[in-house]
Amino acid sequence: MKLNDTTVVTSECLVIWDGLTKPEPVKGRDGKPDSQKFNIKVAVHPNHPEVAELRALIDEEVRKKYPNGPGRNFRHTLGPIGADEIPEIAGWLVFTATTYGALPPILDANGQDVPPQRHAECLYAGSAVRLMVSARTYDTDGNQGSSFWLSGVQILDATRPRL
């Protein structure tokens, strides 16, 4: 569901990888850790209506940053899952959403805060979530691509089988 010109709330996605409970340190210019990177990799069914909205967000950001088109090695954020990767959801689309500095809000299916001590038991490969994301592009150290900023997570089902 598109919230505004820059933000989409996804329908049900399945967690592939949880980097919210295991954030990565981010080094500052002096080489010392000065922040944390929180991310989550999810799969979304290609027929969900939000897929078109996610693609439109990315396309608009790419047009703004690269008016003449991106380079040949540009990495697009939405890509299919192959049958050899996770057979149960082959053909679904996968993407990663990231935020830096602070963990985004994590809510349960009723919109209530999930206590931090429960995050790991609720966010695992196979649990169902909804994400609030905005598109972004990057051009870092010769790597160009698109990704999503993560603004929030809603855990819809933490009883699903693991992938």
N, C-alpha and C. Protein backbone atom coordinates (compact mmCIF):
# COMPACT_ATOMS: atom_id res chain seq x y z
N MET A 1 0.84 -1.16 0.00
CA MET A 1 0.00 0.00 0.00
C MET A 1 0.90 1.24 0.00
N LYS A 2 0.70 2.09 -0.96
CA LYS A 2 1.48 3.31 -1.06
C LYS A 2 0.97 4.32 -0.03
N LEU A 3 1.84 4.74 0.88
CA LEU A 3 1.45 5.72 1.90
C LEU A 3 1.51 7.14 1.36
N ASN A 4 2.57 7.40 0.58
CA ASN A 4 2.75 8.73 -0.02
C ASN A 4 3.68 8.56 -1.22
N ASP A 5 4.20 9.65 -1.74
CA ASP A 5 5.03 9.58 -2.95
C ASP A 5 6.35 8.84 -2.74
N THR A 6 6.76 8.66 -1.49
CA THR A 6 8.07 8.05 -1.25
C THR A 6 8.05 6.79 -0.40
N THR A 7 6.89 6.38 0.10
CA THR A 7 6.84 5.27 1.06
C THR A 7 5.77 4.26 0.70
N VAL A 8 6.14 2.98 0.83
CA VAL A 8 5.21 1.87 0.61
C VAL A 8 5.22 0.98 1.85
N VAL A 9 4.05 0.49 2.23
CA VAL A 9 3.92 -0.55 3.23
C VAL A 9 3.61 -1.82 2.47
N THR A 10 4.47 -2.82 2.62
CA THR A 10 4.29 -4.06 1.86
C THR A 10 3.13 -4.87 2.41
N SER A 11 2.68 -5.81 1.60
CA SER A 11 1.79 -6.83 2.11
C SER A 11 2.69 -7.87 2.77
N GLU A 12 2.18 -9.04 3.04
CA GLU A 12 2.96 -10.06 3.74
C GLU A 12 4.20 -10.47 2.96
N CYS A 13 5.33 -10.40 3.64
CA CYS A 13 6.62 -10.86 3.11
C CYS A 13 7.14 -11.95 4.05
N LEU A 14 7.99 -12.79 3.52
CA LEU A 14 8.64 -13.80 4.36
C LEU A 14 10.09 -13.40 4.60
N VAL A 15 10.50 -13.46 5.85
CA VAL A 15 11.88 -13.13 6.20
C VAL A 15 12.80 -14.20 5.63
N ILE A 16 13.85 -13.74 4.96
CA ILE A 16 14.90 -14.63 4.46
C ILE A 16 16.10 -14.55 5.39
N TRP A 17 16.43 -13.33 5.80
CA TRP A 17 17.58 -13.11 6.67
C TRP A 17 17.28 -11.94 7.59
N ASP A 18 17.61 -12.10 8.87
CA ASP A 18 17.37 -11.08 9.88
C ASP A 18 18.67 -10.42 10.30
N GLY A 19 18.84 -9.18 9.93
CA GLY A 19 19.97 -8.39 10.39
C GLY A 19 19.52 -7.29 11.34
N LEU A 20 18.30 -7.44 11.86
CA LEU A 20 17.79 -6.48 12.84
C LEU A 20 18.26 -6.86 14.23
N THR A 21 18.27 -8.16 14.52
CA THR A 21 18.72 -8.61 15.84
C THR A 21 20.23 -8.80 15.89
N LYS A 22 20.87 -8.73 14.72
CA LYS A 22 22.33 -8.88 14.63
C LYS A 22 22.89 -7.75 13.77
N PRO A 23 22.81 -6.51 14.24
CA PRO A 23 23.29 -5.40 13.41
C PRO A 23 24.79 -5.46 13.17
N GLU A 24 25.19 -4.89 12.04
CA GLU A 24 26.60 -4.82 11.68
C GLU A 24 27.18 -3.48 12.13
N PRO A 25 28.40 -3.47 12.65
CA PRO A 25 29.03 -2.19 12.96
C PRO A 25 29.40 -1.46 11.67
N VAL A 26 29.27 -0.16 11.68
CA VAL A 26 29.64 0.68 10.53
C VAL A 26 30.80 1.55 10.96
N LYS A 27 31.86 1.50 10.17
CA LYS A 27 33.04 2.29 10.50
C LYS A 27 32.91 3.72 10.01
N GLY A 28 33.40 4.62 10.84
CA GLY A 28 33.44 6.03 10.46
C GLY A 28 34.66 6.31 9.61
N ARG A 29 34.87 7.55 9.29
CA ARG A 29 36.02 7.94 8.45
C ARG A 29 37.35 7.63 9.10
N ASP A 30 37.36 7.55 10.43
CA ASP A 30 38.60 7.23 11.13
C ASP A 30 38.85 5.73 11.22
N GLY A 31 37.94 4.93 10.64
CA GLY A 31 38.10 3.47 10.65
C GLY A 31 37.55 2.80 11.88
N LYS A 32 37.06 3.57 12.84
CA LYS A 32 36.50 3.00 14.07
C LYS A 32 34.98 2.91 13.95
N PRO A 33 34.39 1.86 14.55
CA PRO A 33 32.93 1.75 14.50
C PRO A 33 32.27 2.98 15.14
N ASP A 34 31.32 3.57 14.42
CA ASP A 34 30.63 4.73 14.97
C ASP A 34 29.11 4.64 14.81
N SER A 35 28.63 3.55 14.26
CA SER A 35 27.19 3.39 14.07
C SER A 35 26.89 1.91 13.86
N GLN A 36 25.62 1.61 13.62
CA GLN A 36 25.20 0.24 13.34
C GLN A 36 24.29 0.23 12.12
N LYS A 37 24.38 -0.86 11.37
CA LYS A 37 23.54 -1.08 10.20
C LYS A 37 22.55 -2.18 10.53
N PHE A 38 21.26 -1.85 10.43
CA PHE A 38 20.18 -2.80 10.67
C PHE A 38 19.52 -3.11 9.33
N ASN A 39 19.38 -4.40 8.99
CA ASN A 39 18.69 -4.71 7.74
C ASN A 39 17.93 -6.02 7.85
N ILE A 40 17.06 -6.20 6.89
CA ILE A 40 16.25 -7.41 6.82
C ILE A 40 16.06 -7.75 5.35
N LYS A 41 16.24 -9.01 5.02
CA LYS A 41 16.05 -9.48 3.65
C LYS A 41 14.76 -10.29 3.63
N VAL A 42 13.87 -9.92 2.71
CA VAL A 42 12.56 -10.56 2.65
C VAL A 42 12.22 -11.00 1.23
N ALA A 43 11.25 -11.89 1.14
CA ALA A 43 10.71 -12.33 -0.14
C ALA A 43 9.25 -11.93 -0.20
N VAL A 44 8.82 -11.45 -1.36
CA VAL A 44 7.44 -11.05 -1.57
C VAL A 44 6.92 -11.77 -2.81
N HIS A 45 5.67 -12.20 -2.75
CA HIS A 45 5.08 -12.89 -3.89
C HIS A 45 4.99 -11.91 -5.06
N PRO A 46 5.39 -12.33 -6.26
CA PRO A 46 5.43 -11.39 -7.39
C PRO A 46 4.07 -10.84 -7.81
N ASN A 47 2.97 -11.48 -7.38
CA ASN A 47 1.64 -11.00 -7.75
C ASN A 47 1.04 -10.03 -6.74
N HIS A 48 1.74 -9.76 -5.65
CA HIS A 48 1.21 -8.81 -4.68
C HIS A 48 1.20 -7.42 -5.31
N PRO A 49 0.13 -6.65 -5.09
CA PRO A 49 0.02 -5.33 -5.73
C PRO A 49 1.13 -4.37 -5.35
N GLU A 50 1.73 -4.54 -4.18
CA GLU A 50 2.78 -3.62 -3.75
C GLU A 50 4.05 -3.78 -4.58
N VAL A 51 4.20 -4.89 -5.29
CA VAL A 51 5.40 -5.07 -6.10
C VAL A 51 5.50 -3.96 -7.14
N ALA A 52 4.39 -3.64 -7.79
CA ALA A 52 4.39 -2.56 -8.78
C ALA A 52 4.73 -1.22 -8.11
N GLU A 53 4.23 -1.00 -6.90
CA GLU A 53 4.53 0.23 -6.18
C GLU A 53 6.00 0.30 -5.78
N LEU A 54 6.56 -0.84 -5.34
CA LEU A 54 7.98 -0.88 -5.00
C LEU A 54 8.84 -0.58 -6.22
N ARG A 55 8.49 -1.20 -7.34
CA ARG A 55 9.24 -0.95 -8.59
C ARG A 55 9.14 0.52 -9.00
N ALA A 56 7.95 1.11 -8.86
CA ALA A 56 7.77 2.52 -9.23
C ALA A 56 8.63 3.43 -8.35
N LEU A 57 8.71 3.13 -7.04
CA LEU A 57 9.55 3.93 -6.15
C LEU A 57 11.01 3.88 -6.60
N ILE A 58 11.48 2.67 -6.87
CA ILE A 58 12.87 2.51 -7.30
C ILE A 58 13.11 3.20 -8.63
N ASP A 59 12.20 3.00 -9.59
CA ASP A 59 12.37 3.61 -10.91
C ASP A 59 12.47 5.12 -10.81
N GLU A 60 11.65 5.72 -9.95
CA GLU A 60 11.67 7.18 -9.79
C GLU A 60 13.01 7.64 -9.19
N GLU A 61 13.49 6.94 -8.18
CA GLU A 61 14.78 7.30 -7.58
C GLU A 61 15.92 7.15 -8.58
N VAL A 62 15.88 6.09 -9.40
CA VAL A 62 16.93 5.88 -10.40
C VAL A 62 16.88 7.00 -11.44
N ARG A 63 15.67 7.40 -11.88
CA ARG A 63 15.54 8.50 -12.84
C ARG A 63 16.11 9.80 -12.28
N LYS A 64 15.86 10.06 -10.99
CA LYS A 64 16.37 11.28 -10.37
C LYS A 64 17.90 11.29 -10.32
N LYS A 65 18.48 10.19 -9.92
CA LYS A 65 19.94 10.13 -9.73
C LYS A 65 20.68 9.96 -11.06
N TYR A 66 20.10 9.21 -11.97
CA TYR A 66 20.76 8.90 -13.25
C TYR A 66 19.82 9.27 -14.40
N PRO A 67 19.69 10.56 -14.73
CA PRO A 67 18.75 10.98 -15.76
C PRO A 67 19.02 10.35 -17.13
N ASN A 68 20.27 9.95 -17.39
CA ASN A 68 20.61 9.30 -18.65
C ASN A 68 20.64 7.78 -18.53
N GLY A 69 20.14 7.28 -17.42
CA GLY A 69 20.12 5.84 -17.18
C GLY A 69 21.31 5.40 -16.34
N PRO A 70 21.14 4.33 -15.56
CA PRO A 70 22.24 3.84 -14.74
C PRO A 70 23.28 3.11 -15.57
N GLY A 71 24.42 2.86 -14.96
CA GLY A 71 25.49 2.11 -15.63
C GLY A 71 25.13 0.66 -15.87
N ARG A 72 25.95 0.00 -16.67
CA ARG A 72 25.69 -1.41 -17.03
C ARG A 72 25.69 -2.34 -15.83
N ASN A 73 26.50 -2.04 -14.83
CA ASN A 73 26.62 -2.93 -13.68
C ASN A 73 25.72 -2.53 -12.52
N PHE A 74 24.73 -1.71 -12.79
CA PHE A 74 23.78 -1.25 -11.77
C PHE A 74 23.06 -2.45 -11.18
N ARG A 75 22.99 -2.51 -9.86
CA ARG A 75 22.33 -3.63 -9.17
C ARG A 75 20.93 -3.22 -8.74
N HIS A 76 19.94 -3.84 -9.33
CA HIS A 76 18.55 -3.56 -8.96
C HIS A 76 18.20 -4.37 -7.72
N THR A 77 17.41 -3.78 -6.85
CA THR A 77 17.14 -4.39 -5.56
C THR A 77 16.14 -5.54 -5.61
N LEU A 78 15.19 -5.52 -6.51
CA LEU A 78 14.18 -6.59 -6.58
C LEU A 78 14.64 -7.65 -7.57
N GLY A 79 14.86 -8.86 -7.08
CA GLY A 79 15.29 -9.93 -7.96
C GLY A 79 14.61 -11.24 -7.59
N PRO A 80 14.49 -12.15 -8.53
CA PRO A 80 13.80 -13.41 -8.27
C PRO A 80 14.65 -14.38 -7.45
N ILE A 81 13.97 -15.21 -6.69
CA ILE A 81 14.62 -16.30 -5.96
C ILE A 81 14.61 -17.52 -6.86
N GLY A 82 15.75 -18.12 -7.04
CA GLY A 82 15.85 -19.30 -7.89
C GLY A 82 15.41 -20.56 -7.16
N ALA A 83 15.01 -21.56 -7.92
CA ALA A 83 14.56 -22.84 -7.35
C ALA A 83 15.68 -23.52 -6.58
N ASP A 84 16.94 -23.24 -6.95
CA ASP A 84 18.06 -23.85 -6.25
C ASP A 84 18.39 -23.14 -4.94
N GLU A 85 17.82 -21.93 -4.73
CA GLU A 85 18.10 -21.17 -3.51
C GLU A 85 17.14 -21.57 -2.39
N ILE A 86 15.87 -21.30 -2.58
CA ILE A 86 14.83 -21.65 -1.59
C ILE A 86 13.65 -22.22 -2.37
N PRO A 87 13.62 -23.52 -2.60
CA PRO A 87 12.61 -24.13 -3.47
C PRO A 87 11.16 -23.80 -3.08
N GLU A 88 10.90 -23.64 -1.77
CA GLU A 88 9.53 -23.38 -1.31
C GLU A 88 8.95 -22.07 -1.85
N ILE A 89 9.83 -21.14 -2.18
CA ILE A 89 9.35 -19.82 -2.65
C ILE A 89 10.06 -19.41 -3.94
N ALA A 90 10.43 -20.38 -4.74
CA ALA A 90 11.08 -20.08 -6.02
C ALA A 90 10.18 -19.18 -6.85
N GLY A 91 10.76 -18.17 -7.48
CA GLY A 91 10.00 -17.23 -8.30
C GLY A 91 9.51 -16.01 -7.55
N TRP A 92 9.52 -16.06 -6.22
CA TRP A 92 9.19 -14.87 -5.45
C TRP A 92 10.30 -13.85 -5.66
N LEU A 93 10.05 -12.61 -5.30
CA LEU A 93 11.05 -11.56 -5.42
C LEU A 93 11.67 -11.28 -4.06
N VAL A 94 12.95 -11.02 -4.06
CA VAL A 94 13.67 -10.77 -2.82
C VAL A 94 14.24 -9.36 -2.83
N PHE A 95 14.24 -8.72 -1.66
CA PHE A 95 14.90 -7.43 -1.50
C PHE A 95 15.34 -7.25 -0.06
N THR A 96 16.27 -6.33 0.12
CA THR A 96 16.79 -5.99 1.44
C THR A 96 16.39 -4.56 1.76
N ALA A 97 15.99 -4.34 3.00
CA ALA A 97 15.69 -2.99 3.49
C ALA A 97 16.62 -2.71 4.66
N THR A 98 17.17 -1.49 4.69
CA THR A 98 18.25 -1.15 5.63
C THR A 98 17.98 0.18 6.32
N THR A 99 18.45 0.29 7.54
CA THR A 99 18.50 1.57 8.23
C THR A 99 19.78 1.61 9.06
N TYR A 100 20.21 2.81 9.41
CA TYR A 100 21.46 2.98 10.16
C TYR A 100 21.19 3.70 11.46
N GLY A 101 22.00 3.39 12.46
CA GLY A 101 21.97 4.12 13.71
C GLY A 101 21.07 3.54 14.77
N ALA A 102 19.79 3.39 14.47
CA ALA A 102 18.84 2.92 15.48
C ALA A 102 17.90 1.88 14.87
N LEU A 103 17.53 0.93 15.68
CA LEU A 103 16.58 -0.09 15.27
C LEU A 103 15.24 0.57 14.97
N PRO A 104 14.61 0.24 13.84
CA PRO A 104 13.30 0.83 13.55
C PRO A 104 12.24 0.22 14.47
N PRO A 105 11.06 0.83 14.55
CA PRO A 105 10.00 0.24 15.35
C PRO A 105 9.66 -1.16 14.85
N ILE A 106 9.46 -2.07 15.79
CA ILE A 106 9.04 -3.43 15.46
C ILE A 106 7.75 -3.69 16.23
N LEU A 107 6.68 -3.92 15.46
CA LEU A 107 5.34 -4.08 16.04
C LEU A 107 4.82 -5.49 15.82
N ASP A 108 3.85 -5.88 16.64
CA ASP A 108 3.20 -7.17 16.42
C ASP A 108 2.02 -6.99 15.47
N ALA A 109 1.28 -8.06 15.23
CA ALA A 109 0.17 -8.02 14.27
C ALA A 109 -0.93 -7.04 14.69
N ASN A 110 -0.99 -6.71 15.99
CA ASN A 110 -1.99 -5.77 16.49
C ASN A 110 -1.48 -4.34 16.59
N GLY A 111 -0.26 -4.10 16.12
CA GLY A 111 0.30 -2.76 16.15
C GLY A 111 0.95 -2.37 17.47
N GLN A 112 1.18 -3.34 18.35
CA GLN A 112 1.82 -3.07 19.64
C GLN A 112 3.33 -3.32 19.53
N ASP A 113 4.11 -2.56 20.28
CA ASP A 113 5.57 -2.75 20.29
C ASP A 113 5.91 -4.17 20.73
N VAL A 114 6.87 -4.77 20.03
CA VAL A 114 7.40 -6.08 20.43
C VAL A 114 8.63 -5.80 21.28
N PRO A 115 8.68 -6.33 22.51
CA PRO A 115 9.85 -6.09 23.36
C PRO A 115 11.13 -6.62 22.71
N PRO A 116 12.23 -5.90 22.86
CA PRO A 116 13.48 -6.33 22.22
C PRO A 116 13.89 -7.77 22.54
N GLN A 117 13.60 -8.25 23.72
CA GLN A 117 13.98 -9.61 24.07
C GLN A 117 13.21 -10.66 23.28
N ARG A 118 12.14 -10.27 22.56
CA ARG A 118 11.36 -11.20 21.74
C ARG A 118 11.69 -11.09 20.26
N HIS A 119 12.50 -10.12 19.86
CA HIS A 119 12.78 -9.91 18.44
C HIS A 119 13.34 -11.16 17.78
N ALA A 120 14.34 -11.79 18.38
CA ALA A 120 14.99 -12.94 17.76
C ALA A 120 14.04 -14.12 17.58
N GLU A 121 13.14 -14.34 18.51
CA GLU A 121 12.20 -15.46 18.37
C GLU A 121 11.12 -15.18 17.33
N CYS A 122 10.90 -13.93 17.01
CA CYS A 122 9.85 -13.56 16.05
C CYS A 122 10.39 -13.29 14.64
N LEU A 123 11.65 -12.96 14.53
CA LEU A 123 12.25 -12.63 13.23
C LEU A 123 13.21 -13.74 12.85
N TYR A 124 12.74 -14.67 12.05
CA TYR A 124 13.56 -15.81 11.61
C TYR A 124 13.19 -16.10 10.16
N ALA A 125 14.02 -16.86 9.48
CA ALA A 125 13.75 -17.20 8.08
C ALA A 125 12.45 -17.99 8.01
N GLY A 126 11.44 -17.36 7.45
CA GLY A 126 10.12 -17.97 7.32
C GLY A 126 9.02 -17.21 8.02
N SER A 127 9.37 -16.38 9.01
CA SER A 127 8.32 -15.60 9.67
C SER A 127 7.75 -14.58 8.70
N ALA A 128 6.49 -14.21 8.90
CA ALA A 128 5.80 -13.28 8.00
C ALA A 128 5.81 -11.88 8.60
N VAL A 129 6.19 -10.90 7.79
CA VAL A 129 6.28 -9.52 8.23
C VAL A 129 5.69 -8.59 7.17
N ARG A 130 5.45 -7.39 7.59
CA ARG A 130 5.11 -6.28 6.70
C ARG A 130 6.16 -5.21 6.96
N LEU A 131 6.64 -4.56 5.90
CA LEU A 131 7.68 -3.54 6.05
C LEU A 131 7.19 -2.19 5.55
N MET A 132 7.69 -1.13 6.16
CA MET A 132 7.49 0.23 5.66
C MET A 132 8.82 0.66 5.08
N VAL A 133 8.85 0.94 3.77
CA VAL A 133 10.11 1.22 3.09
C VAL A 133 10.01 2.42 2.16
N SER A 134 11.17 3.02 1.90
CA SER A 134 11.33 4.08 0.91
C SER A 134 12.49 3.68 0.02
N ALA A 135 12.46 4.11 -1.24
CA ALA A 135 13.51 3.75 -2.19
C ALA A 135 14.74 4.64 -2.00
N ARG A 136 15.88 4.09 -2.37
CA ARG A 136 17.12 4.85 -2.37
C ARG A 136 18.03 4.28 -3.45
N THR A 137 18.96 5.09 -3.89
CA THR A 137 20.01 4.61 -4.78
C THR A 137 21.33 4.84 -4.06
N TYR A 138 22.35 4.12 -4.49
CA TYR A 138 23.67 4.32 -3.91
C TYR A 138 24.73 4.26 -5.00
N ASP A 139 25.83 4.91 -4.72
CA ASP A 139 26.99 4.93 -5.60
C ASP A 139 28.20 5.02 -4.67
N THR A 140 28.67 3.86 -4.23
CA THR A 140 29.71 3.79 -3.23
C THR A 140 30.85 2.91 -3.69
N ASP A 141 32.04 3.43 -3.68
CA ASP A 141 33.23 2.65 -4.03
C ASP A 141 33.06 1.91 -5.36
N GLY A 142 32.46 2.57 -6.33
CA GLY A 142 32.28 1.97 -7.65
C GLY A 142 31.07 1.06 -7.78
N ASN A 143 30.35 0.86 -6.69
CA ASN A 143 29.14 0.03 -6.73
C ASN A 143 27.92 0.93 -6.83
N GLN A 144 27.10 0.68 -7.84
CA GLN A 144 25.86 1.43 -8.02
C GLN A 144 24.68 0.47 -7.92
N GLY A 145 23.62 0.96 -7.32
CA GLY A 145 22.43 0.11 -7.25
C GLY A 145 21.29 0.81 -6.56
N SER A 146 20.24 0.04 -6.34
CA SER A 146 19.06 0.53 -5.66
C SER A 146 18.79 -0.36 -4.46
N SER A 147 18.13 0.21 -3.49
CA SER A 147 17.79 -0.52 -2.27
C SER A 147 16.60 0.17 -1.63
N PHE A 148 16.28 -0.26 -0.43
CA PHE A 148 15.18 0.36 0.31
C PHE A 148 15.65 0.76 1.69
N TRP A 149 15.20 1.95 2.14
CA TRP A 149 15.35 2.37 3.53
C TRP A 149 14.23 1.72 4.31
N LEU A 150 14.54 1.26 5.49
CA LEU A 150 13.56 0.61 6.36
C LEU A 150 13.10 1.59 7.42
N SER A 151 11.78 1.80 7.50
CA SER A 151 11.22 2.70 8.50
C SER A 151 10.47 1.98 9.61
N GLY A 152 10.04 0.74 9.34
CA GLY A 152 9.31 0.00 10.36
C GLY A 152 9.05 -1.43 9.93
N VAL A 153 8.79 -2.29 10.93
CA VAL A 153 8.52 -3.71 10.72
C VAL A 153 7.29 -4.07 11.54
N GLN A 154 6.39 -4.83 10.93
CA GLN A 154 5.27 -5.40 11.66
C GLN A 154 5.34 -6.91 11.49
N ILE A 155 5.44 -7.63 12.60
CA ILE A 155 5.49 -9.09 12.58
C ILE A 155 4.05 -9.59 12.48
N LEU A 156 3.76 -10.28 11.37
CA LEU A 156 2.39 -10.76 11.14
C LEU A 156 2.19 -12.18 11.65
N ASP A 157 3.20 -13.03 11.52
CA ASP A 157 3.07 -14.43 11.93
C ASP A 157 4.44 -14.99 12.28
N ALA A 158 4.66 -15.20 13.56
CA ALA A 158 5.93 -15.76 14.03
C ALA A 158 5.77 -17.22 14.42
N THR A 159 4.76 -17.89 13.82
CA THR A 159 4.54 -19.31 14.08
C THR A 159 4.69 -20.13 12.81
N ARG A 160 5.00 -19.49 11.72
CA ARG A 160 5.16 -20.20 10.44
C ARG A 160 6.37 -21.12 10.49
N PRO A 161 6.36 -22.14 9.63
CA PRO A 161 7.54 -23.02 9.57
C PRO A 161 8.76 -22.24 9.09
N ARG A 162 9.90 -22.66 9.54
CA ARG A 162 11.15 -22.04 9.10
C ARG A 162 11.46 -22.44 7.67
N LEU A 163 12.10 -21.54 6.95
CA LEU A 163 12.53 -21.84 5.59
C LEU A 163 13.90 -22.50 5.62
